[in-house]
């Protein structure tokens, strides 16, 4: 009988000890990482100078049919993204304040919507590359006039 009670007490003691270990463990404090959108906005923030551009035409089969480097403007356009909602564009037309919004779609495409300027329409650019020193924007435009499948990439 004493053997049975001792065995029972030892099993209960082991069970309680294991249970207390489970409940007394504390989850390590997680360091919250900024989400991808916040990181992208931080990368874009600052001043950027336009250093070049390419105009590419595609045929109906989506093969490149024409490529031309865009003429370089003087003075080179500057994009000031220091304000989180207002882009200051300085170019040959002067300095303009434009609304802009950075977003990431569900399929992880990084986009920048820039409001209309005095001389152009609103545009949505895809940010295809960004690091501390360079950023690449792409805009696909389809035109009805040249024919089906025609697209230009700037």
C-alpha atoms as a PDB file:
ATOM      1  CA  UNK A   1       0.000   0.000   0.000  1.00  0.00           C
ATOM      2  CA  UNK A   2       2.808   2.416   0.841  1.00  0.00           C
ATOM      3  CA  UNK A   3       4.473   1.585  -2.424  1.00  0.00           C
ATOM      4  CA  UNK A   4       1.283   2.428  -4.313  1.00  0.00           C
ATOM      5  CA  UNK A   5       0.831   5.738  -2.441  1.00  0.00           C
ATOM      6  CA  UNK A   6       4.494   6.664  -2.977  1.00  0.00           C
ATOM      7  CA  UNK A   7       4.211   5.872  -6.682  1.00  0.00           C
ATOM      8  CA  UNK A   8       0.989   7.860  -6.917  1.00  0.00           C
ATOM      9  CA  UNK A   9       2.528  10.849  -5.083  1.00  0.00           C
ATOM     10  CA  UNK A  10       5.658  10.711  -7.258  1.00  0.00           C
ATOM     11  CA  UNK A  11       3.535  10.660 -10.445  1.00  0.00           C
ATOM     12  CA  UNK A  12       1.437  13.577  -9.180  1.00  0.00           C
ATOM     13  CA  UNK A  13       4.597  15.454  -8.185  1.00  0.00           C
ATOM     14  CA  UNK A  14       6.178  14.884 -11.603  1.00  0.00           C
ATOM     15  CA  UNK A  15       2.933  15.929 -13.349  1.00  0.00           C
ATOM     16  CA  UNK A  16       2.604  19.099 -11.234  1.00  0.00           C
ATOM     17  CA  UNK A  17       6.263  19.965 -11.749  1.00  0.00           C
ATOM     18  CA  UNK A  18       5.956  19.587 -15.521  1.00  0.00           C
ATOM     19  CA  UNK A  19       2.723  21.603 -15.538  1.00  0.00           C
ATOM     20  CA  UNK A  20       4.310  24.393 -13.507  1.00  0.00           C
ATOM     21  CA  UNK A  21       7.256  24.444 -15.896  1.00  0.00           C
ATOM     22  CA  UNK A  22       4.884  24.891 -18.814  1.00  0.00           C
ATOM     23  CA  UNK A  23       2.983  27.695 -17.182  1.00  0.00           C
ATOM     24  CA  UNK A  24       5.962  29.423 -15.666  1.00  0.00           C
ATOM     25  CA  UNK A  25       7.798  29.789 -18.985  1.00  0.00           C
ATOM     26  CA  UNK A  26       7.630  33.284 -20.340  1.00  0.00           C
ATOM     27  CA  UNK A  27       7.542  34.059 -24.026  1.00  0.00           C
ATOM     28  CA  UNK A  28      10.515  36.083 -25.186  1.00  0.00           C
ATOM     29  CA  UNK A  29       9.648  39.683 -25.843  1.00  0.00           C
ATOM     30  CA  UNK A  30       9.216  40.139 -29.583  1.00  0.00           C
ATOM     31  CA  UNK A  31      10.823  43.153 -31.167  1.00  0.00           C
ATOM     32  CA  UNK A  32       8.302  44.625 -33.546  1.00  0.00           C
ATOM     33  CA  UNK A  33       9.692  45.113 -36.995  1.00  0.00           C
ATOM     34  CA  UNK A  34       8.334  47.927 -39.146  1.00  0.00           C
ATOM     35  CA  UNK A  35       6.007  46.578 -41.797  1.00  0.00           C
ATOM     36  CA  UNK A  36       7.082  46.528 -45.441  1.00  0.00           C
ATOM     37  CA  UNK A  37       5.100  49.655 -46.302  1.00  0.00           C
ATOM     38  CA  UNK A  38       6.777  51.643 -43.516  1.00  0.00           C
ATOM     39  CA  UNK A  39      10.197  50.426 -44.668  1.00  0.00           C
ATOM     40  CA  UNK A  40       9.426  51.406 -48.274  1.00  0.00           C
ATOM     41  CA  UNK A  41       8.275  54.868 -47.201  1.00  0.00           C
ATOM     42  CA  UNK A  42      11.488  55.297 -45.199  1.00  0.00           C
ATOM     43  CA  UNK A  43      13.578  54.292 -48.224  1.00  0.00           C
ATOM     44  CA  UNK A  44      11.772  56.773 -50.517  1.00  0.00           C
ATOM     45  CA  UNK A  45      11.953  59.671 -48.027  1.00  0.00           C
ATOM     46  CA  UNK A  46      14.530  62.287 -49.015  1.00  0.00           C
ATOM     47  CA  UNK A  47      15.677  64.093 -52.146  1.00  0.00           C
ATOM     48  CA  UNK A  48      16.181  62.326 -55.469  1.00  0.00           C
ATOM     49  CA  UNK A  49      17.624  63.635 -58.733  1.00  0.00           C
ATOM     50  CA  UNK A  50      16.433  62.263 -62.072  1.00  0.00           C
ATOM     51  CA  UNK A  51      19.543  60.871 -63.744  1.00  0.00           C
ATOM     52  CA  UNK A  52      18.043  59.255 -66.819  1.00  0.00           C
ATOM     53  CA  UNK A  53      15.109  57.646 -68.488  1.00  0.00           C
ATOM     54  CA  UNK A  54      14.327  55.256 -71.317  1.00  0.00           C
ATOM     55  CA  UNK A  55      11.342  55.126 -73.646  1.00  0.00           C
ATOM     56  CA  UNK A  56      10.635  51.598 -74.907  1.00  0.00           C
ATOM     57  CA  UNK A  57       7.983  50.521 -77.408  1.00  0.00           C
ATOM     58  CA  UNK A  58       6.764  46.959 -77.646  1.00  0.00           C
ATOM     59  CA  UNK A  59       5.092  45.287 -80.603  1.00  0.00           C
ATOM     60  CA  UNK A  60       1.995  43.062 -80.531  1.00  0.00           C
ATOM     61  CA  UNK A  61       4.095  40.073 -79.416  1.00  0.00           C
ATOM     62  CA  UNK A  62       5.521  42.132 -76.505  1.00  0.00           C
ATOM     63  CA  UNK A  63       8.998  42.236 -78.058  1.00  0.00           C
ATOM     64  CA  UNK A  64      10.913  45.501 -77.916  1.00  0.00           C
ATOM     65  CA  UNK A  65      10.447  47.310 -81.214  1.00  0.00           C
ATOM     66  CA  UNK A  66      11.993  50.696 -80.363  1.00  0.00           C
ATOM     67  CA  UNK A  67      14.200  52.141 -77.615  1.00  0.00           C
ATOM     68  CA  UNK A  68      15.198  55.748 -77.068  1.00  0.00           C
ATOM     69  CA  UNK A  69      16.978  57.451 -74.186  1.00  0.00           C
ATOM     70  CA  UNK A  70      14.920  60.349 -72.965  1.00  0.00           C
ATOM     71  CA  UNK A  71      16.510  63.757 -73.512  1.00  0.00           C
ATOM     72  CA  UNK A  72      18.101  65.055 -70.356  1.00  0.00           C
ATOM     73  CA  UNK A  73      16.424  68.135 -68.952  1.00  0.00           C
ATOM     74  CA  UNK A  74      18.329  71.146 -67.702  1.00  0.00           C
ATOM     75  CA  UNK A  75      18.131  71.607 -64.820  1.00  0.00           C
ATOM     76  CA  UNK A  76      17.733  67.959 -63.889  1.00  0.00           C
ATOM     77  CA  UNK A  77      14.432  67.361 -62.086  1.00  0.00           C
ATOM     78  CA  UNK A  78      14.611  66.971 -58.301  1.00  0.00           C
ATOM     79  CA  UNK A  79      12.040  65.032 -56.315  1.00  0.00           C
ATOM     80  CA  UNK A  80      11.743  65.951 -52.637  1.00  0.00           C
ATOM     81  CA  UNK A  81       9.882  63.273 -50.650  1.00  0.00           C
ATOM     82  CA  UNK A  82      10.653  64.685 -47.193  1.00  0.00           C
ATOM     83  CA  UNK A  83       6.962  65.288 -46.476  1.00  0.00           C
ATOM     84  CA  UNK A  84       5.032  61.981 -46.188  1.00  0.00           C
ATOM     85  CA  UNK A  85       2.112  63.227 -48.336  1.00  0.00           C
ATOM     86  CA  UNK A  86       3.530  66.035 -50.486  1.00  0.00           C
ATOM     87  CA  UNK A  87       6.160  65.645 -53.169  1.00  0.00           C
ATOM     88  CA  UNK A  88       8.012  68.796 -54.193  1.00  0.00           C
ATOM     89  CA  UNK A  89       9.058  68.540 -57.824  1.00  0.00           C
ATOM     90  CA  UNK A  90      11.647  71.035 -59.058  1.00  0.00           C
ATOM     91  CA  UNK A  91      12.214  71.034 -62.820  1.00  0.00           C
ATOM     92  CA  UNK A  92      12.199  73.351 -65.841  1.00  0.00           C
ATOM     93  CA  UNK A  93       8.579  74.252 -65.014  1.00  0.00           C
ATOM     94  CA  UNK A  94       9.560  75.552 -61.555  1.00  0.00           C
ATOM     95  CA  UNK A  95       8.754  74.070 -58.172  1.00  0.00           C
ATOM     96  CA  UNK A  96       5.428  72.319 -57.674  1.00  0.00           C
ATOM     97  CA  UNK A  97       3.837  70.657 -54.680  1.00  0.00           C
ATOM     98  CA  UNK A  98       2.106  67.414 -55.646  1.00  0.00           C
ATOM     99  CA  UNK A  99       0.187  64.916 -53.586  1.00  0.00           C
ATOM    100  CA  UNK A 100       1.621  61.406 -53.653  1.00  0.00           C
ATOM    101  CA  UNK A 101       0.933  58.076 -52.006  1.00  0.00           C
ATOM    102  CA  UNK A 102       3.117  55.001 -51.659  1.00  0.00           C
ATOM    103  CA  UNK A 103       1.444  51.608 -51.450  1.00  0.00           C
ATOM    104  CA  UNK A 104       2.135  47.900 -51.709  1.00  0.00           C
ATOM    105  CA  UNK A 105      -0.500  45.752 -53.391  1.00  0.00           C
ATOM    106  CA  UNK A 106      -1.612  42.317 -52.212  1.00  0.00           C
ATOM    107  CA  UNK A 107       0.711  40.761 -54.786  1.00  0.00           C
ATOM    108  CA  UNK A 108       3.620  42.790 -53.281  1.00  0.00           C
ATOM    109  CA  UNK A 109       3.940  45.309 -56.143  1.00  0.00           C
ATOM    110  CA  UNK A 110       5.382  48.567 -54.788  1.00  0.00           C
ATOM    111  CA  UNK A 111       3.604  51.604 -56.235  1.00  0.00           C
ATOM    112  CA  UNK A 112       3.786  55.371 -56.092  1.00  0.00           C
ATOM    113  CA  UNK A 113       0.766  57.425 -57.162  1.00  0.00           C
ATOM    114  CA  UNK A 114       1.649  61.003 -58.098  1.00  0.00           C
ATOM    115  CA  UNK A 115      -1.078  63.596 -58.586  1.00  0.00           C
ATOM    116  CA  UNK A 116      -1.463  65.623 -61.756  1.00  0.00           C
ATOM    117  CA  UNK A 117       1.004  68.423 -62.463  1.00  0.00           C
ATOM    118  CA  UNK A 118       0.248  71.652 -64.270  1.00  0.00           C
ATOM    119  CA  UNK A 119       1.429  70.089 -67.535  1.00  0.00           C
ATOM    120  CA  UNK A 120       0.744  66.369 -67.148  1.00  0.00           C
ATOM    121  CA  UNK A 121      -1.817  63.854 -65.896  1.00  0.00           C
ATOM    122  CA  UNK A 122      -1.723  61.828 -62.690  1.00  0.00           C
ATOM    123  CA  UNK A 123       0.428  58.714 -62.928  1.00  0.00           C
ATOM    124  CA  UNK A 124       0.990  55.478 -61.061  1.00  0.00           C
ATOM    125  CA  UNK A 125       4.566  54.227 -61.076  1.00  0.00           C
ATOM    126  CA  UNK A 126       5.829  50.823 -60.043  1.00  0.00           C
ATOM    127  CA  UNK A 127       8.954  51.027 -57.897  1.00  0.00           C
ATOM    128  CA  UNK A 128      11.005  48.166 -59.310  1.00  0.00           C
ATOM    129  CA  UNK A 129      14.278  48.861 -57.488  1.00  0.00           C
ATOM    130  CA  UNK A 130      15.228  50.941 -54.492  1.00  0.00           C
ATOM    131  CA  UNK A 131      18.243  51.177 -52.220  1.00  0.00           C
ATOM    132  CA  UNK A 132      20.086  53.996 -50.423  1.00  0.00           C
ATOM    133  CA  UNK A 133      21.450  55.577 -53.613  1.00  0.00           C
ATOM    134  CA  UNK A 134      19.123  54.691 -56.485  1.00  0.00           C
ATOM    135  CA  UNK A 135      15.461  54.178 -57.226  1.00  0.00           C
ATOM    136  CA  UNK A 136      13.890  52.916 -60.454  1.00  0.00           C
ATOM    137  CA  UNK A 137      10.297  53.754 -61.375  1.00  0.00           C
ATOM    138  CA  UNK A 138       8.406  52.168 -64.239  1.00  0.00           C
ATOM    139  CA  UNK A 139       5.153  53.221 -65.834  1.00  0.00           C
ATOM    140  CA  UNK A 140       3.350  51.122 -68.444  1.00  0.00           C
ATOM    141  CA  UNK A 141       1.055  53.048 -70.737  1.00  0.00           C
ATOM    142  CA  UNK A 142      -1.148  51.451 -73.337  1.00  0.00           C
ATOM    143  CA  UNK A 143      -2.381  53.488 -76.259  1.00  0.00           C
ATOM    144  CA  UNK A 144      -5.347  52.677 -78.463  1.00  0.00           C
ATOM    145  CA  UNK A 145      -4.096  54.558 -81.542  1.00  0.00           C
ATOM    146  CA  UNK A 146      -0.986  52.549 -82.514  1.00  0.00           C
ATOM    147  CA  UNK A 147      -2.866  49.225 -82.433  1.00  0.00           C
ATOM    148  CA  UNK A 148      -3.438  46.262 -80.165  1.00  0.00           C
ATOM    149  CA  UNK A 149      -0.578  45.172 -77.961  1.00  0.00           C
ATOM    150  CA  UNK A 150       1.303  48.464 -78.177  1.00  0.00           C
ATOM    151  CA  UNK A 151       2.778  49.588 -74.866  1.00  0.00           C
ATOM    152  CA  UNK A 152       5.445  51.992 -73.829  1.00  0.00           C
ATOM    153  CA  UNK A 153       7.565  51.800 -70.736  1.00  0.00           C
ATOM    154  CA  UNK A 154       9.155  54.919 -69.306  1.00  0.00           C
END
